[in-house]
Amino acid sequence: MTIMKRLLLSFLVFNISLSVYAQWFNEPIITLDTARICVMYQLTYIDDTLHIDFKRQEKQILIAGYESSSYQSFNHHKFVTTGRQKVQEGKMVEWLQSGISSEDFVYHFKYRIYKQQTNGTIVTTDHVFSVGSFKYEENKNCFNWVITLETDTINGYFSQKAICDFGGRQWEAWFTPEIPYSEGPYKFCGLPGLILRITDKKGHYDFNMISIEIPPSSTMVEYYDNDNYIFTTKKEFFKAYDDNNRNMTNVVLETGGDATVAQRASRYAASQNNPLELDRK
């Protein structure tokens, strides 16, 4: 984790009131489905094109059921799950003061992505610092997949290659019909089998399956509800995100940060110049 991210994390941890954390960890949960499979992916990515040789990594988890699935950073999932448990145990204050800055809970991507077979939608919730939590929907048929005749063995599974254009990038995916789930990492779905690996043509974003598990029968696909979601479009969400990054110095100062933290936060925000979705429509 970068020094900048450590500074921001410390600033956030000690300047957000405990009542806000308690409210966050007590968000209502809606059960969407019974989980049938849990897939862990390693995302390797380049978020700064001025430092093309510096690659970051983050583990992310897909929890898929019969008709619905959820996808998010694994540490994000673990952070919220642990926080809810600490609230129930009455140990939230102690936990926040002693363990929240641990590497075990650091994550970069704040999105949660829900795919629903019944209505054919992809629902994304995400957060913009100091602005709020957003929610927007897309059609699951937004991927113009072309399945090729090329085959290979990926992580021990017979796999077939498919290509598509999405978010302003060209993608190459390897899916396996041996695992008949029309699912994959991030928003990707719609192929006749689980996507084991998908990479954009430039190699800036690479999702690679690292484990597959059959979860306990008590595991559910869960949707974290929030009455305060700002329901919008993808275009408007990314506009809010980009505007916030461009104004990060003032944002940090207005939320109680000092000039040093604000300047470093601004430099870090400016370095985030290579998002996964270049086309924000």
Protein backbone atom coordinates (compact mmCIF):
# COMPACT_ATOMS: atom_id res chain seq x y z
CA MET A 1 0.00 0.00 0.00
CA THR A 2 1.31 3.45 -0.90
CA ILE A 3 2.16 6.07 1.73
CA MET A 4 -0.61 8.20 0.29
CA LYS A 5 -3.20 5.52 0.81
CA ARG A 6 -1.98 4.94 4.37
CA LEU A 7 -2.32 8.66 5.13
CA LEU A 8 -5.80 8.83 3.66
CA LEU A 9 -6.88 5.68 5.46
CA SER A 10 -5.64 7.01 8.81
CA PHE A 11 -7.34 10.33 8.16
CA LEU A 12 -10.64 8.64 7.32
CA VAL A 13 -10.52 6.20 10.23
CA PHE A 14 -10.02 8.84 12.90
CA ASN A 15 -12.24 11.54 11.44
CA ILE A 16 -15.39 9.57 10.68
CA SER A 17 -17.61 9.36 13.73
CA LEU A 18 -18.35 6.04 15.35
CA SER A 19 -22.06 6.62 14.76
CA VAL A 20 -21.40 6.72 11.00
CA TYR A 21 -19.50 3.44 11.18
CA ALA A 22 -22.26 1.88 13.24
CA GLN A 23 -24.82 2.96 10.67
CA TRP A 24 -22.64 1.57 7.85
CA PHE A 25 -22.20 -1.81 9.52
CA ASN A 26 -25.92 -1.97 10.20
CA GLU A 27 -27.04 -1.46 6.61
CA PRO A 28 -30.07 -3.64 5.88
CA ILE A 29 -29.21 -6.82 3.95
CA ILE A 30 -31.52 -8.27 1.35
CA THR A 31 -31.01 -11.94 0.50
CA LEU A 32 -31.01 -12.32 -3.27
CA ASP A 33 -30.20 -15.99 -3.66
CA THR A 34 -28.55 -19.07 -2.19
CA ALA A 35 -24.87 -19.16 -3.09
CA ARG A 36 -23.77 -22.10 -5.22
CA ILE A 37 -20.18 -21.15 -5.97
CA CYS A 38 -17.54 -18.72 -4.68
CA VAL A 39 -14.77 -17.72 -7.07
CA MET A 40 -11.70 -15.73 -6.06
CA TYR A 41 -9.98 -13.63 -8.71
CA GLN A 42 -6.66 -11.82 -8.63
CA LEU A 43 -6.94 -8.48 -10.39
CA THR A 44 -3.62 -7.14 -11.63
CA TYR A 45 -3.91 -3.60 -12.95
CA ILE A 46 -2.13 -0.42 -13.97
CA ASP A 47 -3.91 2.70 -12.72
CA ASP A 48 -1.23 5.23 -13.70
CA THR A 49 -0.10 5.34 -17.33
CA LEU A 50 2.88 7.51 -16.35
CA HIS A 51 4.25 4.53 -14.41
CA ILE A 52 3.33 1.72 -16.77
CA ASP A 53 5.70 -0.79 -15.17
CA PHE A 54 4.10 -0.45 -11.73
CA LYS A 55 1.29 -2.97 -11.34
CA ARG A 56 -1.05 -3.29 -8.40
CA GLN A 57 -3.02 -6.33 -7.30
CA GLU A 58 -6.27 -6.90 -5.47
CA LYS A 59 -8.22 -10.04 -4.66
CA GLN A 60 -11.89 -9.90 -5.56
CA ILE A 61 -14.69 -12.36 -4.92
CA LEU A 62 -17.65 -13.56 -6.98
CA ILE A 63 -20.51 -15.19 -5.05
CA ALA A 64 -22.95 -16.72 -7.53
CA GLY A 65 -26.32 -18.32 -6.91
CA TYR A 66 -29.06 -19.74 -9.09
CA GLU A 67 -30.27 -16.42 -10.50
CA SER A 68 -28.18 -13.69 -8.86
CA SER A 69 -24.57 -12.94 -8.01
CA SER A 70 -22.46 -10.38 -6.17
CA TYR A 71 -18.92 -9.22 -6.90
CA GLN A 72 -16.58 -6.98 -4.90
CA SER A 73 -13.13 -6.60 -3.41
CA PHE A 74 -12.48 -9.51 -1.07
CA ASN A 75 -11.05 -7.20 1.61
CA HIS A 76 -14.08 -4.94 1.27
CA HIS A 77 -16.32 -7.96 1.78
CA LYS A 78 -14.23 -9.09 4.75
CA PHE A 79 -14.12 -5.58 6.25
CA VAL A 80 -17.89 -5.14 6.26
CA THR A 81 -18.56 -8.71 7.38
CA THR A 82 -16.11 -8.36 10.28
CA GLY A 83 -17.44 -4.92 11.18
CA ARG A 84 -21.00 -6.21 11.40
CA GLN A 85 -19.82 -9.02 13.65
CA LYS A 86 -17.96 -6.57 15.93
CA VAL A 87 -21.09 -4.41 16.21
CA GLN A 88 -23.11 -7.44 17.31
CA GLU A 89 -20.41 -8.33 19.86
CA GLY A 90 -20.23 -4.76 21.19
CA LYS A 91 -16.54 -4.53 20.26
CA MET A 92 -16.62 -2.06 17.38
CA VAL A 93 -14.73 0.76 19.15
CA GLU A 94 -11.93 -1.56 20.23
CA TRP A 95 -11.69 -3.06 16.74
CA LEU A 96 -11.61 0.31 14.95
CA GLN A 97 -8.85 1.57 17.20
CA SER A 98 -6.65 -1.49 16.97
CA GLY A 99 -7.19 -3.35 13.71
CA ILE A 100 -8.85 -1.33 10.99
CA SER A 101 -5.58 -0.11 9.48
CA SER A 102 -4.35 -3.67 9.08
CA GLU A 103 -3.31 -4.80 5.59
CA ASP A 104 -6.03 -7.43 5.94
CA PHE A 105 -8.68 -4.78 5.32
CA VAL A 106 -7.06 -2.51 2.75
CA TYR A 107 -8.88 -2.33 -0.57
CA HIS A 108 -8.83 0.02 -3.56
CA PHE A 109 -12.09 -0.67 -5.39
CA LYS A 110 -15.27 0.21 -3.52
CA TYR A 111 -17.81 -1.08 -6.03
CA ARG A 112 -20.28 -3.87 -5.42
CA ILE A 113 -21.72 -5.43 -8.57
CA TYR A 114 -24.93 -7.46 -8.65
CA LYS A 115 -26.01 -9.44 -11.71
CA GLN A 116 -29.59 -10.63 -11.90
CA GLN A 117 -30.77 -13.22 -14.41
CA THR A 118 -34.49 -12.64 -13.83
CA ASN A 119 -34.58 -9.04 -15.04
CA GLY A 120 -31.36 -9.05 -17.05
CA THR A 121 -29.70 -6.20 -15.19
CA ILE A 122 -26.31 -5.39 -13.73
CA VAL A 123 -26.63 -3.18 -10.65
CA THR A 124 -23.52 -1.36 -9.44
CA THR A 125 -23.14 0.48 -6.15
CA ASP A 126 -20.06 2.60 -5.58
CA HIS A 127 -18.87 5.46 -3.40
CA VAL A 128 -17.36 8.86 -4.03
CA PHE A 129 -15.43 10.28 -1.07
CA SER A 130 -17.28 13.19 0.61
CA VAL A 131 -20.15 13.00 -1.93
CA GLY A 132 -22.00 9.77 -1.16
CA SER A 133 -22.93 6.30 -2.33
CA PHE A 134 -24.27 5.84 -5.84
CA LYS A 135 -26.30 3.17 -7.61
CA TYR A 136 -26.80 2.64 -11.33
CA GLU A 137 -28.09 -0.09 -13.64
CA GLU A 138 -26.96 -1.56 -16.96
CA ASN A 139 -28.30 -4.22 -19.29
CA LYS A 140 -26.60 -7.62 -19.05
CA ASN A 141 -26.66 -7.82 -22.84
CA CYS A 142 -24.13 -4.99 -23.18
CA PHE A 143 -21.33 -7.40 -24.14
CA ASN A 144 -20.89 -8.07 -27.86
CA TRP A 145 -19.17 -11.42 -27.36
CA VAL A 146 -17.58 -13.23 -30.30
CA ILE A 147 -16.69 -16.82 -29.37
CA THR A 148 -13.65 -18.05 -31.26
CA LEU A 149 -12.50 -21.60 -32.06
CA GLU A 150 -9.31 -21.15 -30.02
CA THR A 151 -9.05 -23.43 -26.98
CA ASP A 152 -6.58 -23.91 -24.15
CA THR A 153 -6.28 -25.27 -20.62
CA ILE A 154 -6.65 -22.48 -18.04
CA ASN A 155 -6.04 -23.35 -14.40
CA GLY A 156 -6.67 -27.00 -15.22
CA TYR A 157 -9.97 -26.44 -17.05
CA PHE A 158 -10.67 -26.86 -20.76
CA SER A 159 -11.39 -23.33 -21.93
CA GLN A 160 -12.42 -21.43 -25.01
CA LYS A 161 -11.53 -17.90 -26.04
CA ALA A 162 -14.06 -15.10 -26.57
CA ILE A 163 -13.53 -11.44 -27.38
CA CYS A 164 -15.58 -8.28 -26.89
CA ASP A 165 -15.39 -4.51 -26.68
CA PHE A 166 -16.51 -2.99 -23.40
CA GLY A 167 -15.86 0.31 -21.67
CA GLY A 168 -13.56 1.55 -24.39
CA ARG A 169 -11.27 -1.48 -24.21
CA GLN A 170 -10.88 -4.69 -26.21
CA TRP A 171 -11.09 -7.78 -24.03
CA GLU A 172 -9.97 -11.39 -24.40
CA ALA A 173 -11.75 -13.86 -22.15
CA TRP A 174 -11.21 -17.55 -21.46
CA PHE A 175 -14.33 -19.36 -20.26
CA THR A 176 -14.88 -22.99 -19.39
CA PRO A 177 -18.05 -24.93 -20.28
CA GLU A 178 -16.97 -27.38 -17.57
CA ILE A 179 -18.37 -24.90 -15.01
CA PRO A 180 -21.79 -23.97 -16.44
CA TYR A 181 -22.23 -20.57 -14.85
CA SER A 182 -22.70 -17.61 -17.20
CA GLU A 183 -20.64 -15.50 -14.84
CA GLY A 184 -17.28 -13.80 -14.48
CA PRO A 185 -15.35 -11.06 -12.71
CA TYR A 186 -16.41 -7.42 -12.55
CA LYS A 187 -19.48 -6.90 -14.79
CA PHE A 188 -18.48 -9.55 -17.32
CA CYS A 189 -21.03 -12.29 -18.01
CA GLY A 190 -23.08 -13.83 -20.80
CA LEU A 191 -20.80 -16.64 -21.98
CA PRO A 192 -21.74 -20.36 -21.85
CA GLY A 193 -19.44 -21.05 -18.92
CA LEU A 194 -17.53 -19.38 -16.10
CA ILE A 195 -14.91 -16.83 -17.16
CA LEU A 196 -11.60 -17.96 -15.70
CA ARG A 197 -9.48 -15.17 -17.08
CA ILE A 198 -10.13 -11.92 -18.91
CA THR A 199 -7.55 -9.33 -19.98
CA ASP A 200 -7.79 -6.12 -21.94
CA LYS A 201 -5.68 -6.02 -25.08
CA LYS A 202 -3.16 -3.58 -23.59
CA GLY A 203 -2.65 -5.76 -20.53
CA HIS A 204 -3.64 -2.96 -18.16
CA TYR A 205 -6.39 -4.99 -16.44
CA ASP A 206 -6.10 -8.74 -15.94
CA PHE A 207 -8.60 -10.80 -13.92
CA ASN A 208 -7.34 -14.31 -13.20
CA MET A 209 -9.25 -17.00 -11.27
CA ILE A 210 -7.18 -18.31 -8.34
CA SER A 211 -9.69 -20.48 -6.49
CA ILE A 212 -13.17 -21.98 -6.76
CA GLU A 213 -15.13 -23.24 -3.78
CA ILE A 214 -18.56 -24.70 -3.10
CA PRO A 215 -19.73 -22.64 -0.11
CA PRO A 216 -21.65 -23.91 2.93
CA SER A 217 -25.39 -24.17 2.35
CA SER A 218 -25.93 -21.21 4.68
CA THR A 219 -24.01 -18.83 2.38
CA MET A 220 -26.24 -16.33 0.62
CA VAL A 221 -25.90 -13.85 -2.21
CA GLU A 222 -26.55 -10.64 -0.29
CA TYR A 223 -27.44 -7.13 -1.38
CA TYR A 224 -26.52 -4.30 0.97
CA ASP A 225 -29.46 -1.92 0.91
CA ASN A 226 -29.10 1.78 1.60
CA ASP A 227 -31.84 4.41 1.57
CA ASN A 228 -29.20 7.04 0.90
CA TYR A 229 -28.02 5.66 -2.45
CA ILE A 230 -27.96 8.32 -5.13
CA PHE A 231 -29.71 6.55 -8.01
CA THR A 232 -28.15 7.73 -11.25
CA THR A 233 -26.69 6.64 -14.58
CA LYS A 234 -23.22 5.25 -15.16
CA LYS A 235 -22.28 8.43 -17.03
CA GLU A 236 -23.36 10.67 -14.17
CA PHE A 237 -21.66 8.50 -11.55
CA PHE A 238 -18.31 8.66 -13.33
CA LYS A 239 -18.74 12.41 -13.82
CA ALA A 240 -19.16 12.81 -10.05
CA TYR A 241 -16.13 10.58 -9.46
CA ASP A 242 -13.93 12.46 -11.93
CA ASP A 243 -15.03 15.87 -10.68
CA ASN A 244 -14.23 14.82 -7.12
CA ASN A 245 -10.75 13.64 -8.10
CA ARG A 246 -10.01 16.90 -9.90
CA ASN A 247 -11.06 18.86 -6.80
CA MET A 248 -9.44 16.56 -4.23
CA THR A 249 -7.38 19.27 -2.49
CA ASN A 250 -10.49 21.24 -1.53
CA VAL A 251 -12.42 18.07 -0.75
CA VAL A 252 -9.88 16.95 1.87
CA LEU A 253 -9.52 20.43 3.36
CA GLU A 254 -13.30 20.81 3.64
CA THR A 255 -13.56 17.47 5.45
CA GLY A 256 -10.95 18.38 8.07
CA GLY A 257 -7.67 17.27 6.52
CA ASP A 258 -4.57 19.45 6.73
CA ALA A 259 -2.69 20.94 3.77
CA THR A 260 -0.09 18.16 3.63
CA VAL A 261 -2.68 15.40 3.43
CA ALA A 262 -4.70 17.44 0.93
CA GLN A 263 -1.73 17.94 -1.40
CA ARG A 264 -0.75 14.30 -1.30
CA ALA A 265 -4.36 13.23 -1.81
CA SER A 266 -4.57 15.50 -4.84
CA ARG A 267 -1.41 14.02 -6.35
CA TYR A 268 -2.68 10.51 -5.75
CA ALA A 269 -6.08 11.32 -7.31
CA ALA A 270 -4.35 12.79 -10.36
CA SER A 271 -2.36 9.58 -10.78
CA GLN A 272 -5.58 7.56 -11.16
CA ASN A 273 -5.63 8.26 -14.89
CA ASN A 274 -6.26 4.77 -16.26
CA PRO A 275 -9.69 3.52 -15.14
CA LEU A 276 -10.99 0.16 -16.28
CA GLU A 277 -13.86 1.80 -18.14
CA LEU A 278 -12.46 4.49 -20.41
CA ASP A 279 -15.81 4.96 -22.13
CA ARG A 280 -18.06 6.28 -19.35
CA LYS A 281 -21.42 6.21 -21.21
